[in-house]
């Protein structure tokens, strides 16, 4: 293995360690690193992790032992190591003095993970746009402003600003998971998820529902898993009821056949779901921020019960969305009211992701080249 890596002469490392359910954190960066102007390689720490990453042209190697990793000389040509999550095993790679470290994160959101104090251990922190920089400034967690670099979010290039164009509207419900502790609890799944989905299924005129829970749902709280299963059962029951109903499929004046969708695996991709929907309902997470690339209407659940003004101040990515209370207040306005926030979404998109020109991949590639130039 060492000889193969030496022949490849990797220049940039994408480092990942974690549970298989968290593989999406590395997966989202693979297409971007395939397109940069430097030779990139993926370094994994857990055996079998490669099977949970999508097909890629990037070489991958697994080095479970910390001693083997720190003495693996075939990586000597590499100058930059990119990290997508804050885990304890990062320290093994961080101890290699010849590598400059940059924290990418696995999403750009208002969650605490986007301004974690652990981020100060890296040489640099790369954020999508001005919003990411401001989060660290407000949090005052010890990350120096000069070490923060705005690099865009190249993954979002394939997100369309057009709806699917179907004769009915599609709503994507993509709740986050329950978090590692109660301080990180942002999920609507437990407190309002089933009621929310029931309201969507019962809406008239009919809506199509796409349900895509977070990959880590139920990892900590069994109540989240129970709510998830209840939602799945509701959607499956709605599908079964439709299939049993006897309506002429093509008769004039009949409702079109609407097929709801439950997405619990890596396919279809979240961004494909964005392109398949007209509206999003989600929680505080990077899903909300990424969806702004579509410029479509979105709603955010207020599970904390904060007053509206305080909520928007604390979570800036929600400012151009409709706020949903735990009693589902705001849902009718969101589904049936006039869209008055289109201009606000365009403005917020620039704040979250930076300028449209140069494009995000160009800015990301420039950040890589800056490290190699030593500037």
Protein backbone atom coordinates (compact mmCIF):
# COMPACT_ATOMS: atom_id res chain seq x y z
CA UNK A 1 0.00 0.00 0.00
CA UNK A 2 2.80 2.41 0.88
CA UNK A 3 4.43 2.03 -2.56
CA UNK A 4 1.15 2.78 -4.35
CA UNK A 5 0.61 5.92 -2.28
CA UNK A 6 4.20 7.05 -2.87
CA UNK A 7 3.73 6.71 -6.63
CA UNK A 8 0.51 8.74 -6.45
CA UNK A 9 2.23 11.51 -4.42
CA UNK A 10 -0.90 12.86 -2.68
CA UNK A 11 -0.90 16.58 -1.96
CA UNK A 12 -4.23 17.01 -0.12
CA UNK A 13 -5.71 14.63 2.47
CA UNK A 14 -9.36 14.30 3.38
CA UNK A 15 -9.32 12.73 6.83
CA UNK A 16 -12.31 10.95 8.33
CA UNK A 17 -13.02 8.96 11.45
CA UNK A 18 -16.44 8.11 12.85
CA UNK A 19 -19.42 5.78 12.90
CA UNK A 20 -20.67 4.32 9.64
CA UNK A 21 -23.92 6.27 10.05
CA UNK A 22 -21.84 9.45 9.87
CA UNK A 23 -20.19 8.52 6.57
CA UNK A 24 -22.25 11.21 4.84
CA UNK A 25 -19.97 13.77 6.51
CA UNK A 26 -17.06 12.71 4.30
CA UNK A 27 -19.18 11.59 1.36
CA UNK A 28 -20.39 15.12 0.62
CA UNK A 29 -16.84 16.36 0.00
CA UNK A 30 -15.64 13.64 -2.38
CA UNK A 31 -16.97 15.16 -5.65
CA UNK A 32 -15.44 18.53 -4.74
CA UNK A 33 -12.00 17.06 -4.05
CA UNK A 34 -12.13 15.16 -7.33
CA UNK A 35 -12.27 18.52 -9.13
CA UNK A 36 -9.51 20.50 -7.43
CA UNK A 37 -6.14 21.04 -9.10
CA UNK A 38 -4.19 19.02 -6.55
CA UNK A 39 -3.94 15.25 -6.04
CA UNK A 40 -6.22 14.33 -3.15
CA UNK A 41 -6.47 11.15 -1.11
CA UNK A 42 -8.94 9.95 1.53
CA UNK A 43 -7.55 8.63 4.82
CA UNK A 44 -9.98 6.56 6.91
CA UNK A 45 -9.50 5.12 10.39
CA UNK A 46 -12.25 2.51 10.66
CA UNK A 47 -12.15 -0.77 8.78
CA UNK A 48 -14.95 -1.18 6.25
CA UNK A 49 -15.76 2.55 6.14
CA UNK A 50 -14.93 2.75 2.42
CA UNK A 51 -18.01 0.63 1.65
CA UNK A 52 -20.19 3.43 3.05
CA UNK A 53 -18.71 6.12 0.81
CA UNK A 54 -19.97 6.65 -2.70
CA UNK A 55 -17.96 5.65 -5.72
CA UNK A 56 -15.11 8.07 -6.28
CA UNK A 57 -11.98 8.45 -8.36
CA UNK A 58 -10.05 9.43 -5.24
CA UNK A 59 -7.69 6.82 -3.76
CA UNK A 60 -8.66 5.66 -0.27
CA UNK A 61 -6.63 4.02 2.45
CA UNK A 62 -7.51 2.86 5.93
CA UNK A 63 -4.98 3.17 8.77
CA UNK A 64 -6.64 2.07 12.03
CA UNK A 65 -3.49 2.25 14.17
CA UNK A 66 -2.44 5.70 15.40
CA UNK A 67 1.22 4.63 15.47
CA UNK A 68 1.02 3.43 11.86
CA UNK A 69 -0.67 6.64 10.79
CA UNK A 70 1.91 8.95 12.31
CA UNK A 71 4.78 6.94 10.83
CA UNK A 72 3.25 6.44 7.37
CA UNK A 73 5.91 8.14 5.25
CA UNK A 74 4.05 7.73 1.96
CA UNK A 75 2.02 10.83 2.88
CA UNK A 76 5.16 12.97 3.12
CA UNK A 77 4.33 14.96 -0.05
CA UNK A 78 0.99 16.12 1.33
CA UNK A 79 0.81 19.71 2.56
CA UNK A 80 -2.85 20.08 3.55
CA UNK A 81 -5.19 17.93 5.61
CA UNK A 82 -8.94 18.64 5.60
CA UNK A 83 -11.19 17.59 8.49
CA UNK A 84 -14.98 17.25 8.26
CA UNK A 85 -15.87 16.54 11.90
CA UNK A 86 -14.51 17.07 15.39
CA UNK A 87 -13.66 13.63 16.74
CA UNK A 88 -11.00 12.48 19.17
CA UNK A 89 -9.01 10.51 16.62
CA UNK A 90 -8.29 13.70 14.68
CA UNK A 91 -5.45 14.31 17.13
CA UNK A 92 -3.36 11.56 15.55
CA UNK A 93 -3.19 13.38 12.23
CA UNK A 94 -2.96 16.80 13.86
CA UNK A 95 0.32 15.70 15.48
CA UNK A 96 2.04 15.50 12.08
CA UNK A 97 3.87 18.88 11.94
CA UNK A 98 4.36 19.03 8.16
CA UNK A 99 0.61 19.10 7.46
CA UNK A 100 -1.41 22.29 7.57
CA UNK A 101 -4.84 21.54 9.01
CA UNK A 102 -8.12 23.06 7.87
CA UNK A 103 -11.56 22.32 9.31
CA UNK A 104 -14.25 22.03 6.62
CA UNK A 105 -17.09 20.72 8.77
CA UNK A 106 -19.84 18.64 7.15
CA UNK A 107 -22.40 21.40 6.85
CA UNK A 108 -22.73 25.14 7.29
CA UNK A 109 -25.47 25.75 9.83
CA UNK A 110 -26.46 27.64 12.97
CA UNK A 111 -25.91 24.50 15.03
CA UNK A 112 -23.29 24.61 17.76
CA UNK A 113 -21.11 22.27 15.68
CA UNK A 114 -20.49 25.19 13.32
CA UNK A 115 -18.70 27.16 16.07
CA UNK A 116 -17.36 24.39 18.29
CA UNK A 117 -14.47 25.52 20.57
CA UNK A 118 -12.54 22.45 19.39
CA UNK A 119 -12.14 24.24 16.04
CA UNK A 120 -9.31 26.33 17.46
CA UNK A 121 -6.96 23.32 17.29
CA UNK A 122 -6.82 23.63 13.48
CA UNK A 123 -4.51 25.99 11.63
CA UNK A 124 -7.47 27.24 9.61
CA UNK A 125 -11.26 27.06 9.62
CA UNK A 126 -12.96 27.13 6.21
CA UNK A 127 -16.53 28.41 6.07
CA UNK A 128 -18.90 28.97 3.18
CA UNK A 129 -19.48 32.71 3.52
CA UNK A 130 -19.73 35.71 5.84
CA UNK A 131 -22.33 33.98 8.03
CA UNK A 132 -19.82 31.32 9.02
CA UNK A 133 -17.25 33.93 9.99
CA UNK A 134 -19.82 35.83 12.03
CA UNK A 135 -20.81 32.69 13.96
CA UNK A 136 -17.29 32.31 15.28
CA UNK A 137 -17.06 36.02 16.06
CA UNK A 138 -20.27 35.93 18.10
CA UNK A 139 -19.41 32.68 19.86
CA UNK A 140 -15.95 33.92 20.99
CA UNK A 141 -14.59 30.39 21.23
CA UNK A 142 -10.97 31.31 20.52
CA UNK A 143 -10.89 30.93 16.73
CA UNK A 144 -8.94 33.91 15.41
CA UNK A 145 -10.62 35.85 12.63
CA UNK A 146 -7.52 35.78 10.43
CA UNK A 147 -7.62 31.96 10.50
CA UNK A 148 -11.14 31.86 9.06
CA UNK A 149 -11.39 31.65 5.27
CA UNK A 150 -14.56 31.94 3.19
CA UNK A 151 -14.41 29.29 0.47
CA UNK A 152 -18.00 28.88 -0.70
CA UNK A 153 -19.93 25.62 -0.77
CA UNK A 154 -19.13 23.85 -4.06
CA UNK A 155 -21.55 20.97 -3.41
CA UNK A 156 -24.54 23.20 -4.12
CA UNK A 157 -23.90 23.72 -7.84
CA UNK A 158 -26.43 21.11 -8.92
CA UNK A 159 -29.33 22.53 -6.92
CA UNK A 160 -32.04 23.95 -9.17
CA UNK A 161 -34.02 27.10 -8.49
CA UNK A 162 -36.97 25.58 -10.35
CA UNK A 163 -39.61 23.32 -8.85
CA UNK A 164 -40.34 19.85 -10.25
CA UNK A 165 -43.20 21.31 -12.30
CA UNK A 166 -45.76 18.69 -11.30
CA UNK A 167 -49.52 19.34 -11.20
CA UNK A 168 -49.30 19.20 -7.41
CA UNK A 169 -46.90 20.65 -4.89
CA UNK A 170 -44.24 18.59 -3.12
CA UNK A 171 -43.13 19.23 0.47
CA UNK A 172 -39.82 17.88 1.76
CA UNK A 173 -39.76 17.22 5.52
CA UNK A 174 -36.13 16.75 6.55
CA UNK A 175 -35.77 16.87 10.34
CA UNK A 176 -32.38 16.77 12.03
CA UNK A 177 -31.42 14.19 14.66
CA UNK A 178 -31.59 14.53 18.44
CA UNK A 179 -27.95 15.57 18.96
CA UNK A 180 -25.29 14.25 21.31
CA UNK A 181 -26.88 15.96 24.32
CA UNK A 182 -29.89 18.08 25.23
CA UNK A 183 -28.00 21.31 24.52
CA UNK A 184 -27.81 20.21 20.88
CA UNK A 185 -31.47 19.17 20.71
CA UNK A 186 -33.00 20.79 17.61
CA UNK A 187 -35.10 17.98 16.20
CA UNK A 188 -38.84 18.41 15.64
CA UNK A 189 -39.24 14.69 15.13
CA UNK A 190 -40.14 13.82 18.72
CA UNK A 191 -42.40 16.71 19.67
CA UNK A 192 -44.20 17.48 16.42
CA UNK A 193 -43.01 15.22 13.60
CA UNK A 194 -45.98 12.81 13.36
CA UNK A 195 -48.54 15.62 13.76
CA UNK A 196 -46.78 17.64 11.09
CA UNK A 197 -46.70 14.79 8.59
CA UNK A 198 -50.35 13.98 9.36
CA UNK A 199 -51.27 17.58 8.54
CA UNK A 200 -49.35 17.37 5.26
CA UNK A 201 -51.00 14.09 4.28
CA UNK A 202 -54.47 15.48 5.09
CA UNK A 203 -53.96 18.78 3.29
CA UNK A 204 -56.31 19.77 0.50
CA UNK A 205 -55.52 20.12 -2.29
CA UNK A 206 -53.29 17.05 -1.90
CA UNK A 207 -49.56 17.46 -1.40
CA UNK A 208 -46.79 15.04 -2.16
CA UNK A 209 -44.62 14.36 0.90
CA UNK A 210 -40.94 13.47 0.78
CA UNK A 211 -39.68 12.41 4.20
CA UNK A 212 -35.91 12.32 4.69
CA UNK A 213 -34.76 11.97 8.30
CA UNK A 214 -31.18 12.57 9.41
CA UNK A 215 -28.93 9.48 9.09
CA UNK A 216 -28.24 9.53 12.85
CA UNK A 217 -31.93 9.60 13.85
CA UNK A 218 -32.49 7.45 16.93
CA UNK A 219 -28.76 7.24 17.67
CA UNK A 220 -29.28 8.69 21.15
CA UNK A 221 -33.04 8.90 21.80
CA UNK A 222 -35.35 5.92 21.31
CA UNK A 223 -38.29 8.36 21.25
CA UNK A 224 -36.89 9.79 18.00
CA UNK A 225 -36.79 6.31 16.52
CA UNK A 226 -40.39 5.68 17.60
CA UNK A 227 -41.53 8.96 16.02
CA UNK A 228 -39.66 8.08 12.84
CA UNK A 229 -41.34 4.68 12.63
CA UNK A 230 -44.74 6.26 13.22
CA UNK A 231 -44.17 8.69 10.35
CA UNK A 232 -43.05 5.88 8.05
CA UNK A 233 -46.17 3.88 8.95
CA UNK A 234 -48.41 6.89 8.27
CA UNK A 235 -46.92 7.50 4.84
CA UNK A 236 -47.03 3.82 3.93
CA UNK A 237 -50.67 3.65 5.06
CA UNK A 238 -51.51 6.68 2.90
CA UNK A 239 -49.89 5.00 -0.09
CA UNK A 240 -51.76 1.78 0.55
CA UNK A 241 -55.07 3.60 0.84
CA UNK A 242 -54.49 5.30 -2.49
CA UNK A 243 -53.62 2.07 -4.23
CA UNK A 244 -56.87 0.50 -3.00
CA UNK A 245 -59.01 3.45 -4.05
CA UNK A 246 -60.70 2.89 -7.39
CA UNK A 247 -60.34 6.09 -9.43
CA UNK A 248 -59.92 6.28 -13.21
CA UNK A 249 -56.25 7.07 -13.59
CA UNK A 250 -56.63 9.33 -16.61
CA UNK A 251 -60.21 10.54 -16.32
CA UNK A 252 -60.73 14.26 -16.68
CA UNK A 253 -61.14 16.05 -13.36
CA UNK A 254 -59.63 13.31 -11.19
CA UNK A 255 -56.73 13.99 -8.85
CA UNK A 256 -53.32 12.93 -10.18
CA UNK A 257 -51.70 9.89 -8.57
CA UNK A 258 -49.32 11.24 -5.94
CA UNK A 259 -46.54 8.95 -4.75
CA UNK A 260 -45.03 9.96 -1.44
CA UNK A 261 -41.39 9.13 -0.81
CA UNK A 262 -39.48 7.91 2.26
CA UNK A 263 -35.71 8.36 1.99
CA UNK A 264 -33.64 6.58 4.64
CA UNK A 265 -30.51 5.75 2.67
CA UNK A 266 -27.93 7.75 0.70
CA UNK A 267 -30.07 7.65 -2.45
CA UNK A 268 -31.72 9.76 -3.60
CA UNK A 269 -29.29 12.39 -2.41
CA UNK A 270 -30.56 15.25 -0.26
CA UNK A 271 -29.93 17.71 -3.08
CA UNK A 272 -31.94 15.53 -5.47
CA UNK A 273 -34.76 15.81 -2.94
CA UNK A 274 -34.33 19.60 -3.05
CA UNK A 275 -34.85 19.49 -6.81
CA UNK A 276 -37.91 17.25 -6.39
CA UNK A 277 -39.71 19.58 -3.97
CA UNK A 278 -41.41 22.97 -4.00
CA UNK A 279 -41.24 23.61 -0.24
CA UNK A 280 -39.00 22.53 2.64
CA UNK A 281 -39.80 22.00 6.31
CA UNK A 282 -36.77 21.36 8.48
CA UNK A 283 -35.06 22.09 11.79
CA UNK A 284 -31.99 24.13 12.70
CA UNK A 285 -29.38 22.35 10.56
CA UNK A 286 -27.27 22.65 7.45
CA UNK A 287 -30.28 21.39 5.47
CA UNK A 288 -31.87 24.83 5.89
CA UNK A 289 -28.74 26.66 4.82
CA UNK A 290 -28.11 24.43 1.79
CA UNK A 291 -31.73 24.70 0.69
CA UNK A 292 -31.31 28.44 0.29
CA UNK A 293 -29.30 27.66 -2.84
CA UNK A 294 -32.65 26.72 -4.41
CA UNK A 295 -34.24 30.06 -3.43
CA UNK A 296 -37.49 28.14 -2.80
CA UNK A 297 -39.73 28.77 0.24
CA UNK A 298 -38.83 27.02 3.48
CA UNK A 299 -40.12 26.76 7.04
CA UNK A 300 -38.16 26.05 10.22
CA UNK A 301 -39.49 24.43 13.38
CA UNK A 302 -39.17 26.32 16.64
CA UNK A 303 -38.73 23.44 19.09
CA UNK A 304 -37.04 25.74 21.62
CA UNK A 305 -40.13 27.93 21.94
CA UNK A 306 -38.12 31.14 21.56
CA UNK A 307 -39.98 34.35 20.67
CA UNK A 308 -39.84 34.97 16.92
CA UNK A 309 -37.39 37.89 17.04
CA UNK A 310 -35.02 36.08 19.40
CA UNK A 311 -35.21 32.95 17.25
CA UNK A 312 -34.23 34.76 14.06
CA UNK A 313 -31.39 36.58 15.85
CA UNK A 314 -29.99 33.37 17.25
CA UNK A 315 -30.38 31.39 14.03
CA UNK A 316 -29.70 33.76 11.09
CA UNK A 317 -30.19 31.07 8.44
CA UNK A 318 -33.90 31.04 9.31
CA UNK A 319 -34.51 34.76 8.71
CA UNK A 320 -36.01 34.26 5.25
CA UNK A 321 -38.24 31.36 6.31
CA UNK A 322 -41.57 30.83 8.02
CA UNK A 323 -41.39 29.86 11.69
CA UNK A 324 -43.44 26.82 12.78
CA UNK A 325 -44.51 26.54 16.40
CA UNK A 326 -44.85 23.28 18.29
CA UNK A 327 -48.63 23.62 17.90
CA UNK A 328 -48.04 23.81 14.11
CA UNK A 329 -48.81 27.53 14.09
CA UNK A 330 -47.52 29.03 10.87
CA UNK A 331 -48.07 25.85 8.84
CA UNK A 332 -51.29 26.98 7.16
CA UNK A 333 -49.68 30.31 6.22
CA UNK A 334 -46.67 28.49 4.82
CA UNK A 335 -48.67 26.02 2.75
CA UNK A 336 -51.49 28.26 1.56
CA UNK A 337 -50.36 31.87 2.05
CA UNK A 338 -48.59 34.21 -0.32
CA UNK A 339 -44.82 33.90 -0.67
CA UNK A 340 -43.50 37.28 0.47
CA UNK A 341 -39.94 36.22 1.30
CA UNK A 342 -38.44 35.57 -2.15
CA UNK A 343 -36.24 38.67 -2.11
CA UNK A 344 -35.13 37.95 1.46
CA UNK A 345 -34.04 34.43 0.44
CA UNK A 346 -31.81 35.76 -2.34
CA UNK A 347 -30.16 38.22 0.06
CA UNK A 348 -29.66 35.58 2.74
CA UNK A 349 -28.18 33.18 0.21
CA UNK A 350 -25.34 35.64 -0.46
CA UNK A 351 -24.73 36.07 3.28
CA UNK A 352 -24.49 32.32 3.83
CA UNK A 353 -22.47 31.31 0.78
CA UNK A 354 -20.67 34.43 -0.38
CA UNK A 355 -20.71 35.93 -3.88
CA UNK A 356 -21.87 34.04 -6.95
CA UNK A 357 -18.72 35.10 -8.84
CA UNK A 358 -16.19 33.66 -8.79
CA UNK A 359 -18.03 30.39 -8.33
CA UNK A 360 -17.63 28.31 -5.19
CA UNK A 361 -15.33 25.68 -6.71
CA UNK A 362 -12.97 28.38 -7.96
CA UNK A 363 -12.86 29.94 -4.49
CA UNK A 364 -12.36 26.56 -2.83
CA UNK A 365 -9.54 25.67 -5.22
CA UNK A 366 -7.94 29.07 -4.57
CA UNK A 367 -7.96 28.34 -0.84
CA UNK A 368 -6.10 25.10 -1.49
CA UNK A 369 -3.56 26.82 -3.71
CA UNK A 370 -2.99 29.53 -1.10
CA UNK A 371 -1.76 26.87 1.32
CA UNK A 372 0.68 25.52 -1.25
CA UNK A 373 1.96 28.99 -2.09
CA UNK A 374 2.57 29.69 1.59
CA UNK A 375 0.64 32.96 1.53
